[in-house]
Amino acid sequence: MPLMTAARSGHRHVVDTYLGALLAEAGACVPAPGLCVLEREFDTAEVGIELWVDRAAPAVADALADVPDPAAEPGVSRR
């Protein structure tokens, strides 16, 4: 998940425009928009983070459901 902090509100777009794109290019699954918390919001960030989690959770759950269970693959031991 693209997550970042920023000093200025003008930098919020960076989380999706650049960080999300970078993670996807590196092979990561990026199922939901990223979260950017401004430094001035640190004291009250819980509300914004909770809203983001509520919006992102269904997409993340769907993406995780598509991940194969390594224990179910033949020849893989989880000991």
C-alpha atoms as a PDB file:
ATOM      1  CA  MET A   1       0.000   0.000   0.000  1.00  0.00           C
ATOM      2  CA  PRO A   2       1.378   3.387  -0.898  1.00  0.00           C
ATOM      3  CA  LEU A   3       1.622   5.326   2.363  1.00  0.00           C
ATOM      4  CA  MET A   4       3.507   8.558   2.911  1.00  0.00           C
ATOM      5  CA  THR A   5       3.711  11.771   4.846  1.00  0.00           C
ATOM      6  CA  ALA A   6       4.100  15.214   3.330  1.00  0.00           C
ATOM      7  CA  ALA A   7       4.762  18.733   4.515  1.00  0.00           C
ATOM      8  CA  ARG A   8       2.441  20.510   2.063  1.00  0.00           C
ATOM      9  CA  SER A   9      -1.022  19.696   0.746  1.00  0.00           C
ATOM     10  CA  GLY A  10       0.248  20.232  -2.790  1.00  0.00           C
ATOM     11  CA  HIS A  11       2.259  17.030  -2.399  1.00  0.00           C
ATOM     12  CA  ARG A  12      -0.717  14.744  -1.643  1.00  0.00           C
ATOM     13  CA  HIS A  13      -0.905  13.609  -5.275  1.00  0.00           C
ATOM     14  CA  VAL A  14       2.598  12.133  -5.054  1.00  0.00           C
ATOM     15  CA  VAL A  15       1.367   9.065  -3.152  1.00  0.00           C
ATOM     16  CA  ASP A  16      -0.608   7.811  -6.149  1.00  0.00           C
ATOM     17  CA  THR A  17       1.066   9.570  -9.065  1.00  0.00           C
ATOM     18  CA  TYR A  18       4.593   8.488  -8.204  1.00  0.00           C
ATOM     19  CA  LEU A  19       4.757   6.141  -5.197  1.00  0.00           C
ATOM     20  CA  GLY A  20       1.866   3.933  -6.286  1.00  0.00           C
ATOM     21  CA  ALA A  21       3.233   3.819  -9.829  1.00  0.00           C
ATOM     22  CA  LEU A  22       6.723   2.975  -8.538  1.00  0.00           C
ATOM     23  CA  LEU A  23       5.408   0.136  -6.390  1.00  0.00           C
ATOM     24  CA  ALA A  24       3.355  -1.254  -9.291  1.00  0.00           C
ATOM     25  CA  GLU A  25       6.364  -1.042 -11.609  1.00  0.00           C
ATOM     26  CA  ALA A  26       8.392  -2.986  -9.049  1.00  0.00           C
ATOM     27  CA  GLY A  27       5.764  -5.737  -9.164  1.00  0.00           C
ATOM     28  CA  ALA A  28       3.685  -4.837  -6.138  1.00  0.00           C
ATOM     29  CA  CYS A  29      -0.065  -5.233  -6.082  1.00  0.00           C
ATOM     30  CA  VAL A  30      -1.578  -1.790  -5.494  1.00  0.00           C
ATOM     31  CA  PRO A  31      -5.291  -2.524  -5.066  1.00  0.00           C
ATOM     32  CA  ALA A  32      -6.389   0.796  -3.567  1.00  0.00           C
ATOM     33  CA  PRO A  33      -5.425   4.466  -3.652  1.00  0.00           C
ATOM     34  CA  GLY A  34      -2.611   5.446  -1.335  1.00  0.00           C
ATOM     35  CA  LEU A  35      -2.758   7.432   1.870  1.00  0.00           C
ATOM     36  CA  CYS A  36      -0.889  10.662   2.463  1.00  0.00           C
ATOM     37  CA  VAL A  37      -0.954  12.305   5.883  1.00  0.00           C
ATOM     38  CA  LEU A  38       0.273  15.863   6.181  1.00  0.00           C
ATOM     39  CA  GLU A  39       2.656  16.684   9.006  1.00  0.00           C
ATOM     40  CA  ARG A  40       0.201  19.211  10.419  1.00  0.00           C
ATOM     41  CA  GLU A  41      -2.437  16.441  10.575  1.00  0.00           C
ATOM     42  CA  PHE A  42      -0.402  14.033  12.722  1.00  0.00           C
ATOM     43  CA  ASP A  43      -2.331  14.859  15.910  1.00  0.00           C
ATOM     44  CA  THR A  44      -5.706  14.219  14.239  1.00  0.00           C
ATOM     45  CA  ALA A  45      -4.700  11.658  11.614  1.00  0.00           C
ATOM     46  CA  GLU A  46      -6.740   8.825  13.146  1.00  0.00           C
ATOM     47  CA  VAL A  47      -9.984  10.096  11.611  1.00  0.00           C
ATOM     48  CA  GLY A  48      -8.526  10.334   8.117  1.00  0.00           C
ATOM     49  CA  ILE A  49      -6.787   6.983   8.435  1.00  0.00           C
ATOM     50  CA  GLU A  50     -10.018   5.303   9.582  1.00  0.00           C
ATOM     51  CA  LEU A  51     -11.890   6.737   6.582  1.00  0.00           C
ATOM     52  CA  TRP A  52      -9.132   5.563   4.251  1.00  0.00           C
ATOM     53  CA  VAL A  53      -9.173   2.061   5.778  1.00  0.00           C
ATOM     54  CA  ASP A  54     -12.956   1.880   5.377  1.00  0.00           C
ATOM     55  CA  ARG A  55     -12.626   2.754   1.672  1.00  0.00           C
ATOM     56  CA  ALA A  56      -9.535   0.646   0.961  1.00  0.00           C
ATOM     57  CA  ALA A  57     -10.417  -2.499   2.949  1.00  0.00           C
ATOM     58  CA  PRO A  58     -12.740  -4.108   0.360  1.00  0.00           C
ATOM     59  CA  ALA A  59     -10.172  -3.748  -2.441  1.00  0.00           C
ATOM     60  CA  VAL A  60      -7.372  -5.038  -0.216  1.00  0.00           C
ATOM     61  CA  ALA A  61      -9.497  -8.009   0.883  1.00  0.00           C
ATOM     62  CA  ASP A  62     -10.268  -8.837  -2.769  1.00  0.00           C
ATOM     63  CA  ALA A  63      -6.585  -8.632  -3.670  1.00  0.00           C
ATOM     64  CA  LEU A  64      -5.605 -10.872  -0.761  1.00  0.00           C
ATOM     65  CA  ALA A  65      -8.257 -13.413  -1.736  1.00  0.00           C
ATOM     66  CA  ASP A  66      -6.487 -13.768  -5.091  1.00  0.00           C
ATOM     67  CA  VAL A  67      -3.116 -14.578  -3.481  1.00  0.00           C
ATOM     68  CA  PRO A  68      -2.457 -18.310  -3.606  1.00  0.00           C
ATOM     69  CA  ASP A  69      -1.824 -20.094  -0.321  1.00  0.00           C
ATOM     70  CA  PRO A  70       1.803 -21.317  -0.430  1.00  0.00           C
ATOM     71  CA  ALA A  71       0.908 -24.184   1.895  1.00  0.00           C
ATOM     72  CA  ALA A  72      -1.574 -25.456  -0.699  1.00  0.00           C
ATOM     73  CA  GLU A  73       1.048 -25.618  -3.445  1.00  0.00           C
ATOM     74  CA  PRO A  74       2.598 -29.036  -4.051  1.00  0.00           C
ATOM     75  CA  GLY A  75       6.151 -29.399  -2.811  1.00  0.00           C
ATOM     76  CA  VAL A  76       5.995 -26.437  -0.426  1.00  0.00           C
ATOM     77  CA  SER A  77       6.584 -27.135   3.250  1.00  0.00           C
ATOM     78  CA  ARG A  78       5.698 -24.586   5.938  1.00  0.00           C
ATOM     79  CA  ARG A  79       7.762 -26.124   8.741  1.00  0.00           C
END
